[in-house]
Amino acid sequence: MTFVAQARTYGPEDEGRRFNDGTVVRCHKVEVQKNSKDPNRVTGTVAGAVVGGLLGNQIGGGNGKKLATVGGAVAGGATGRYVQGQHQQNSGDRVVQTVCERTR
């Protein structure tokens, strides 16, 4: 017969519970961000890459123009991702959750 150890989650009702190995369940409140519609920031990355590519395409000629287009798209994508992340962090829904864990 084989027994498999199962991960146990603890809730506020377990606060202060003591175990034989010397551990105790402790709970604390944490603020978490919820309901982000685009957690991977794809929209900002794509929009920034398009704008950056268009702007980069306006520079130079020949191979320099191609390089500027690619560079503009990369820089624009990174900037768009950063801007969207800042916006989500500043305007996202935040909720307070109780997290309980077993500690020594």
Protein backbone atom coordinates (compact mmCIF):
# COMPACT_ATOMS: atom_id res chain seq x y z
CA MET A 1 0.00 0.00 0.00
CA THR A 2 1.41 3.40 -1.03
CA PHE A 3 0.63 6.69 0.65
CA VAL A 4 1.03 9.96 -1.22
CA ALA A 5 1.70 13.16 0.73
CA GLN A 6 -0.84 15.83 -0.10
CA ALA A 7 -0.23 19.56 0.04
CA ARG A 8 -2.60 21.09 2.55
CA THR A 9 -3.87 24.63 2.45
CA TYR A 10 -4.74 26.41 5.66
CA GLY A 11 -7.35 29.07 6.30
CA PRO A 12 -8.01 31.64 9.03
CA GLU A 13 -9.84 28.97 11.03
CA ASP A 14 -6.49 27.13 11.39
CA GLU A 15 -4.70 30.18 12.89
CA GLY A 16 -2.55 29.08 15.84
CA ARG A 17 -2.92 25.36 15.14
CA ARG A 18 0.16 23.50 16.42
CA PHE A 19 1.67 20.34 14.99
CA ASN A 20 3.89 17.65 16.51
CA ASP A 21 6.88 18.76 14.45
CA GLY A 22 6.87 22.17 16.16
CA THR A 23 5.25 24.12 13.33
CA VAL A 24 2.33 26.51 13.76
CA VAL A 25 -0.18 27.92 11.29
CA ARG A 26 0.27 31.70 11.00
CA CYS A 27 -1.98 33.97 8.95
CA HIS A 28 -1.35 37.44 7.56
CA LYS A 29 -3.11 39.78 5.18
CA VAL A 30 -1.63 40.60 1.77
CA GLU A 31 -2.77 43.00 -0.92
CA VAL A 32 -3.00 41.39 -4.35
CA GLN A 33 -3.93 42.75 -7.75
CA LYS A 34 -6.92 41.10 -9.38
CA ASN A 35 -8.86 41.25 -12.63
CA SER A 36 -6.08 42.41 -14.94
CA LYS A 37 -7.49 41.93 -18.43
CA ASP A 38 -4.05 41.59 -20.04
CA PRO A 39 -1.60 40.28 -17.41
CA ASN A 40 1.10 39.55 -20.02
CA ARG A 41 0.86 43.11 -21.38
CA VAL A 42 0.53 41.90 -24.97
CA THR A 43 -1.52 44.90 -26.07
CA GLY A 44 1.07 47.45 -24.93
CA THR A 45 3.93 45.43 -26.40
CA VAL A 46 2.31 45.06 -29.83
CA ALA A 47 1.12 48.67 -30.01
CA GLY A 48 4.54 49.95 -28.98
CA ALA A 49 6.29 47.70 -31.51
CA VAL A 50 4.06 48.93 -34.35
CA VAL A 51 4.55 52.59 -33.48
CA GLY A 52 8.29 52.11 -32.92
CA GLY A 53 8.65 50.24 -36.22
CA LEU A 54 6.80 52.97 -38.10
CA LEU A 55 8.94 55.68 -36.55
CA GLY A 56 12.14 53.72 -37.17
CA ASN A 57 11.15 53.24 -40.80
CA GLN A 58 11.26 57.01 -41.28
CA ILE A 59 15.01 57.07 -40.57
CA GLY A 60 17.83 56.44 -43.02
CA GLY A 61 17.83 54.49 -46.25
CA GLY A 62 18.79 51.03 -47.55
CA ASN A 63 20.03 48.60 -44.90
CA GLY A 64 20.13 51.40 -42.34
CA LYS A 65 16.39 51.87 -42.79
CA LYS A 66 15.78 48.16 -42.13
CA LEU A 67 17.96 48.24 -39.04
CA ALA A 68 16.23 51.39 -37.77
CA THR A 69 12.81 49.76 -38.35
CA VAL A 70 13.75 46.65 -36.38
CA GLY A 71 15.42 48.71 -33.63
CA GLY A 72 12.38 50.97 -33.41
CA ALA A 73 10.05 47.98 -33.16
CA VAL A 74 12.10 46.40 -30.36
CA ALA A 75 12.45 49.65 -28.42
CA GLY A 76 8.79 50.51 -28.97
CA GLY A 77 7.66 47.07 -27.82
CA ALA A 78 9.70 47.32 -24.64
CA THR A 79 8.41 50.82 -23.96
CA GLY A 80 4.79 49.83 -24.64
CA ARG A 81 5.07 46.86 -22.28
CA TYR A 82 6.53 49.06 -19.55
CA VAL A 83 3.88 51.78 -19.95
CA GLN A 84 1.03 49.26 -19.85
CA GLY A 85 2.52 47.61 -16.76
CA GLN A 86 2.72 50.94 -14.95
CA HIS A 87 -0.88 51.74 -15.90
CA GLN A 88 -2.12 48.34 -14.69
CA GLN A 89 -0.25 48.67 -11.41
CA ASN A 90 -1.62 52.15 -10.76
CA SER A 91 -5.22 51.50 -11.80
CA GLY A 92 -5.71 47.76 -11.20
CA ASP A 93 -8.23 46.36 -8.78
CA ARG A 94 -6.65 45.46 -5.47
CA VAL A 95 -8.06 43.16 -2.86
CA VAL A 96 -6.80 42.08 0.55
CA GLN A 97 -6.55 38.34 1.08
CA THR A 98 -5.66 36.33 4.17
CA VAL A 99 -2.80 33.92 3.53
CA CYS A 100 -2.11 31.18 6.05
CA GLU A 101 1.00 29.01 6.10
CA ARG A 102 2.73 26.54 8.35
CA THR A 103 5.91 27.98 9.89
CA ARG A 104 8.35 27.19 12.67
